[in-house]
Amino acid sequence: MILVTGANGQLGRRIVQHLIARSPAPVAGKLAVSVRDPGKAADLAARGVEVRHGNFDHPDTLANAFAGVERLVLVSTDGPREQRIVQQRNAVSAAARAGIQHVYYTSFLDVAADSPSEFAAIHRDTEAALANSGLAHTLLRLPLYAEGLAMIAGLALEGGVLYLPAGKGAASLVSRDDLAQAIAAAALAPRLDKQVYELTGQVAADYASIATKIARASGRSLVYKAVQETDYIAALVKHGLSIWLATALAKLFAAVAEGRMAATGNDFAALVGHPPKSLDCLIHEHFAPRNKA
């Protein structure tokens, strides 16, 4: 049996959908999910998916959630660093106690010890927990979500300037749905050739180039302007973000500025059989004017 954690979330739900689509037979008895609120996964239950209650904040719920599972897709949680580290350590410990055969962890492209990003520290800790657990595991390191660009640039189009503390750094962007497809392919594979897969796009672009592409696709003016981390944090807090999230995002773009999110490669295609959607395609999907007819 394969179990996906966090299946009520944006990435987890897409992983389950791709597992269902890729399964050659009905998934009943073969696919399960672990969620904090089973009621929100009723649509999955209706499709034959076994819905189990599991909460990483309450390790006592995980024994039943992980019982009988052979392959665990461990989707990383959200929240402040210390909270996520504890949650994910709880999940790894529970997986080891449950005797799970293989864990597929949705890690992050940047896990360097000297990275300014708190996301690097979170995922580095979970990767270390997996290494120390004795569990067989595969690390699926994810780049930046293309949907994040749609959010920040969509707002920036209102004023014509994309302000980010990303310097001249480049980033590889992939959609959640494409990433979910690759993660599902990994979880279903009879064997994998290596332990670490970097699920990047085939190109990385700096935000000046990205802003130019968005302007061209949208027909609206947009330029990129690099700003200081402190100014970016202050602007996000002013717009209602919590201080920890504003700081985490600023430090993430600081990592971009240092070139830590610019890796590209063919690991995605090795799993799926084709590359993810191109940057130009993603920008067109999110920013091209829609025909209202």
Protein backbone atom coordinates (compact mmCIF):
# COMPACT_ATOMS: atom_id res chain seq x y z
CA MET A 1 0.00 0.00 0.00
CA ILE A 2 1.05 3.59 -0.75
CA LEU A 3 0.09 6.32 1.71
CA VAL A 4 0.32 10.06 1.02
CA THR A 5 0.47 12.48 3.94
CA GLY A 6 -1.01 15.96 3.82
CA ALA A 7 -3.49 14.92 1.14
CA ASN A 8 -5.82 17.83 1.88
CA GLY A 9 -3.08 20.25 0.89
CA GLN A 10 -2.37 21.66 -2.55
CA LEU A 11 0.57 19.39 -3.36
CA GLY A 12 -0.62 16.30 -1.51
CA ARG A 13 -4.03 16.27 -3.18
CA ARG A 14 -2.42 16.53 -6.61
CA ILE A 15 -0.06 13.64 -5.81
CA VAL A 16 -3.05 11.46 -4.92
CA GLN A 17 -4.84 12.44 -8.12
CA HIS A 18 -1.82 11.45 -10.21
CA LEU A 19 -1.44 8.17 -8.32
CA ILE A 20 -5.06 7.35 -9.11
CA ALA A 21 -4.59 8.31 -12.76
CA ARG A 22 -1.44 6.21 -13.10
CA SER A 23 -2.79 3.13 -11.34
CA PRO A 24 -3.72 0.38 -13.82
CA ALA A 25 -6.41 -1.04 -11.51
CA PRO A 26 -8.84 0.28 -8.87
CA VAL A 27 -6.94 1.78 -5.93
CA ALA A 28 -9.08 0.30 -3.14
CA GLY A 29 -6.76 -1.44 -0.70
CA LYS A 30 -3.70 -0.05 -2.48
CA LEU A 31 -3.81 3.70 -1.83
CA ALA A 32 -4.38 5.59 1.41
CA VAL A 33 -4.00 9.12 2.72
CA SER A 34 -3.21 10.56 6.13
CA VAL A 35 -4.98 13.84 6.91
CA ARG A 36 -5.81 15.90 9.97
CA ASP A 37 -9.45 16.28 8.92
CA PRO A 38 -10.79 13.13 7.21
CA GLY A 39 -14.06 14.88 6.43
CA LYS A 40 -12.29 17.10 3.93
CA ALA A 41 -11.10 14.02 2.01
CA ALA A 42 -14.56 12.53 1.43
CA ASP A 43 -14.12 12.93 -2.32
CA LEU A 44 -11.03 10.70 -2.17
CA ALA A 45 -12.88 8.08 -0.13
CA ALA A 46 -15.57 8.05 -2.81
CA ARG A 47 -12.88 7.11 -5.34
CA GLY A 48 -11.68 4.12 -3.31
CA VAL A 49 -8.86 5.82 -1.39
CA GLU A 50 -8.59 4.79 2.26
CA VAL A 51 -8.75 7.95 4.37
CA ARG A 52 -6.94 7.82 7.70
CA HIS A 53 -6.57 10.36 10.48
CA GLY A 54 -3.00 11.41 11.18
CA ASN A 55 -1.65 14.55 12.81
CA PHE A 56 2.10 15.16 12.98
CA ASP A 57 1.54 17.31 16.08
CA HIS A 58 0.09 14.23 17.82
CA PRO A 59 2.46 11.31 17.20
CA ASP A 60 0.05 8.90 18.88
CA THR A 61 -2.22 9.22 15.82
CA LEU A 62 0.47 8.06 13.42
CA ALA A 63 0.71 4.39 14.41
CA ASN A 64 -2.76 3.71 13.03
CA ALA A 65 -2.26 6.11 10.13
CA PHE A 66 0.89 4.30 8.96
CA ALA A 67 -0.16 0.72 9.78
CA GLY A 68 0.32 -1.70 6.90
CA VAL A 69 1.88 0.92 4.64
CA GLU A 70 4.75 -0.15 2.42
CA ARG A 71 5.51 3.11 0.61
CA LEU A 72 5.07 6.47 2.31
CA VAL A 73 4.95 9.75 0.39
CA LEU A 74 5.94 12.21 3.11
CA VAL A 75 4.76 15.65 2.05
CA SER A 76 6.51 18.40 4.00
CA THR A 77 4.33 20.51 6.28
CA ASP A 78 3.83 24.29 6.47
CA GLY A 79 4.55 26.73 9.26
CA PRO A 80 7.44 28.21 11.24
CA ARG A 81 10.76 26.38 11.25
CA GLU A 82 10.75 24.81 14.70
CA GLN A 83 7.16 23.64 14.30
CA ARG A 84 7.90 21.96 10.96
CA ILE A 85 11.09 20.35 12.21
CA VAL A 86 9.28 18.72 15.14
CA GLN A 87 6.34 17.63 12.98
CA GLN A 88 8.53 16.01 10.37
CA ARG A 89 10.77 14.30 12.94
CA ASN A 90 7.58 12.85 14.45
CA ALA A 91 6.56 11.51 11.05
CA VAL A 92 9.95 9.94 10.35
CA SER A 93 10.03 8.28 13.78
CA ALA A 94 6.53 6.92 13.30
CA ALA A 95 7.43 5.60 9.86
CA ALA A 96 10.40 3.74 11.32
CA ARG A 97 8.28 2.22 14.08
CA ALA A 98 5.65 1.18 11.53
CA GLY A 99 8.22 -0.71 9.49
CA ILE A 100 7.55 1.22 6.30
CA GLN A 101 9.66 -0.13 3.46
CA HIS A 102 10.37 3.12 1.60
CA VAL A 103 9.79 6.84 2.20
CA TYR A 104 9.55 9.41 -0.61
CA TYR A 105 10.16 12.83 0.92
CA THR A 106 9.27 16.14 -0.73
CA SER A 107 12.42 18.05 0.16
CA PHE A 108 13.81 21.32 -1.19
CA LEU A 109 16.37 22.18 -3.82
CA ASP A 110 18.41 24.20 -1.31
CA VAL A 111 19.46 22.27 1.79
CA ALA A 112 22.91 23.83 2.26
CA ALA A 113 24.10 24.46 5.81
CA ASP A 114 25.19 27.99 4.93
CA SER A 115 21.97 28.96 3.17
CA PRO A 116 20.15 32.05 4.45
CA SER A 117 16.78 30.32 3.86
CA GLU A 118 14.98 28.76 6.81
CA PHE A 119 13.45 26.29 4.36
CA ALA A 120 16.93 24.90 3.78
CA ALA A 121 17.35 24.27 7.51
CA ILE A 122 13.95 22.56 7.78
CA HIS A 123 14.52 20.17 4.93
CA ARG A 124 18.14 19.51 5.87
CA ASP A 125 16.95 18.41 9.30
CA THR A 126 14.33 16.04 7.87
CA GLU A 127 16.82 14.59 5.39
CA ALA A 128 19.17 13.94 8.32
CA ALA A 129 16.35 12.34 10.32
CA LEU A 130 15.65 9.99 7.41
CA ALA A 131 19.33 9.14 7.04
CA ASN A 132 19.57 8.31 10.76
CA SER A 133 16.30 6.34 10.85
CA GLY A 134 17.51 3.35 8.87
CA LEU A 135 14.55 3.75 6.51
CA ALA A 136 15.06 3.28 2.78
CA HIS A 137 14.19 6.64 1.29
CA THR A 138 14.21 8.84 -1.79
CA LEU A 139 14.69 12.60 -1.58
CA LEU A 140 12.60 14.51 -4.09
CA ARG A 141 14.02 18.03 -3.96
CA LEU A 142 11.56 20.62 -5.22
CA PRO A 143 12.25 24.02 -6.80
CA LEU A 144 10.11 27.13 -6.42
CA TYR A 145 6.44 26.72 -7.26
CA ALA A 146 5.34 28.48 -10.43
CA GLU A 147 2.12 29.38 -8.62
CA GLY A 148 4.13 31.56 -6.26
CA LEU A 149 5.26 33.65 -9.21
CA ALA A 150 1.65 33.99 -10.35
CA MET A 151 0.72 35.39 -6.95
CA ILE A 152 3.54 37.88 -6.47
CA ALA A 153 3.71 39.03 -10.07
CA GLY A 154 -0.05 39.26 -10.36
CA LEU A 155 -0.02 41.82 -7.58
CA ALA A 156 3.04 43.56 -9.05
CA LEU A 157 1.26 44.11 -12.36
CA GLU A 158 -1.05 46.55 -10.60
CA GLY A 159 1.86 48.93 -10.06
CA GLY A 160 4.12 47.84 -12.92
CA VAL A 161 7.10 46.94 -10.71
CA LEU A 162 8.10 43.53 -9.31
CA TYR A 163 9.99 44.23 -6.08
CA LEU A 164 12.00 41.29 -4.71
CA PRO A 165 15.21 40.87 -2.68
CA ALA A 166 16.48 38.36 -5.27
CA GLY A 167 19.34 40.42 -6.71
CA LYS A 168 20.42 39.05 -10.06
CA GLY A 169 19.83 35.45 -9.03
CA ALA A 170 18.03 32.98 -11.26
CA ALA A 171 15.43 30.38 -10.30
CA SER A 172 13.87 27.30 -11.81
CA LEU A 173 10.08 27.26 -11.59
CA VAL A 174 7.79 24.23 -11.85
CA SER A 175 4.03 23.95 -11.24
CA ARG A 176 2.65 21.96 -8.33
CA ASP A 177 0.78 19.73 -10.72
CA ASP A 178 3.93 18.85 -12.67
CA LEU A 179 5.79 18.18 -9.42
CA ALA A 180 2.95 15.99 -8.17
CA GLN A 181 3.13 14.00 -11.38
CA ALA A 182 6.85 13.33 -10.87
CA ILE A 183 6.38 12.43 -7.20
CA ALA A 184 3.61 9.97 -8.09
CA ALA A 185 5.82 8.44 -10.77
CA ALA A 186 8.62 7.96 -8.23
CA ALA A 187 6.30 6.35 -5.68
CA LEU A 188 5.01 3.87 -8.27
CA ALA A 189 8.36 3.03 -9.85
CA PRO A 190 9.49 -0.60 -9.43
CA ARG A 191 12.99 0.75 -8.83
CA LEU A 192 14.78 4.07 -8.84
CA ASP A 193 18.29 4.69 -10.09
CA LYS A 194 19.37 7.05 -7.31
CA GLN A 195 18.44 8.42 -3.92
CA VAL A 196 18.21 12.15 -4.72
CA TYR A 197 16.12 13.65 -7.52
CA GLU A 198 16.11 17.39 -8.23
CA LEU A 199 12.77 18.08 -9.88
CA THR A 200 13.75 21.30 -11.60
CA GLY A 201 12.78 22.87 -14.86
CA GLN A 202 15.19 22.72 -17.77
CA VAL A 203 16.05 26.42 -17.56
CA ALA A 204 16.52 28.98 -14.81
CA ALA A 205 15.80 32.68 -15.30
CA ASP A 206 16.48 35.82 -13.31
CA TYR A 207 13.56 37.99 -12.28
CA ALA A 208 14.39 40.77 -14.71
CA SER A 209 13.98 38.27 -17.54
CA ILE A 210 10.86 36.82 -15.95
CA ALA A 211 9.29 40.29 -15.61
CA THR A 212 10.00 40.95 -19.28
CA LYS A 213 8.32 37.67 -20.26
CA ILE A 214 5.29 38.46 -18.08
CA ALA A 215 4.97 41.92 -19.62
CA ARG A 216 5.09 40.43 -23.10
CA ALA A 217 2.53 37.72 -22.31
CA SER A 218 0.13 40.01 -20.44
CA GLY A 219 0.43 43.08 -22.62
CA ARG A 220 1.02 45.15 -19.49
CA SER A 221 4.06 46.99 -18.20
CA LEU A 222 6.22 45.17 -15.66
CA VAL A 223 9.85 45.64 -14.65
CA TYR A 224 11.89 44.04 -11.89
CA LYS A 225 13.58 46.03 -9.15
CA ALA A 226 15.84 44.43 -6.56
CA VAL A 227 15.20 45.66 -3.01
CA GLN A 228 16.74 45.12 0.41
CA GLU A 229 15.45 42.29 2.59
CA THR A 230 14.39 44.69 5.34
CA ASP A 231 12.30 46.77 2.95
CA TYR A 232 10.68 43.66 1.51
CA ILE A 233 9.82 42.31 4.97
CA ALA A 234 8.31 45.66 5.98
CA ALA A 235 6.19 45.76 2.83
CA LEU A 236 4.85 42.22 3.36
CA VAL A 237 4.02 42.88 7.01
CA LYS A 238 2.22 46.07 5.97
CA HIS A 239 0.09 43.95 3.65
CA GLY A 240 -0.87 41.58 6.48
CA LEU A 241 1.71 38.77 6.44
CA SER A 242 3.06 37.53 9.75
CA ILE A 243 6.60 38.57 10.58
CA TRP A 244 7.90 34.99 10.45
CA LEU A 245 6.44 34.35 6.99
CA ALA A 246 7.60 37.70 5.65
CA THR A 247 11.09 36.99 6.94
CA ALA A 248 11.07 33.44 5.58
CA LEU A 249 10.12 34.69 2.12
CA ALA A 250 12.76 37.41 2.20
CA LYS A 251 15.42 34.87 3.17
CA LEU A 252 14.20 32.55 0.42
CA PHE A 253 14.80 35.25 -2.17
CA ALA A 254 18.16 35.95 -0.55
CA ALA A 255 19.00 32.32 -1.34
CA VAL A 256 17.86 32.94 -4.92
CA ALA A 257 20.18 35.95 -5.06
CA GLU A 258 23.05 33.66 -4.08
CA GLY A 259 22.23 31.28 -6.93
CA ARG A 260 20.94 28.48 -4.70
CA MET A 261 17.70 27.90 -6.64
CA ALA A 262 19.15 28.00 -10.15
CA ALA A 263 19.91 24.31 -10.66
CA THR A 264 18.47 22.64 -13.74
CA GLY A 265 18.58 19.08 -14.97
CA ASN A 266 16.76 16.09 -16.38
CA ASP A 267 15.64 14.26 -13.22
CA PHE A 268 12.01 15.21 -13.82
CA ALA A 269 12.05 13.73 -17.31
CA ALA A 270 13.79 10.60 -16.01
CA LEU A 271 10.78 9.94 -13.77
CA VAL A 272 7.91 11.14 -15.95
CA GLY A 273 9.20 10.57 -19.47
CA HIS A 274 9.06 14.20 -20.54
CA PRO A 275 10.17 17.57 -19.12
CA PRO A 276 7.88 19.81 -17.07
CA LYS A 277 6.09 22.72 -18.68
CA SER A 278 8.49 25.40 -19.86
CA LEU A 279 8.75 28.79 -18.19
CA ASP A 280 7.24 30.44 -21.28
CA CYS A 281 4.28 28.05 -21.13
CA LEU A 282 3.74 28.66 -17.42
CA ILE A 283 3.84 32.43 -17.87
CA HIS A 284 1.39 32.22 -20.75
CA GLU A 285 -1.01 30.11 -18.67
CA HIS A 286 -0.96 32.51 -15.74
CA PHE A 287 -0.67 35.90 -17.40
CA ALA A 288 -1.98 35.86 -20.98
CA PRO A 289 -5.27 37.78 -21.33
CA ARG A 290 -8.33 35.53 -21.38
CA ASN A 291 -11.06 35.75 -23.97
CA LYS A 292 -14.19 36.73 -22.05
CA ALA A 293 -16.53 35.55 -24.82
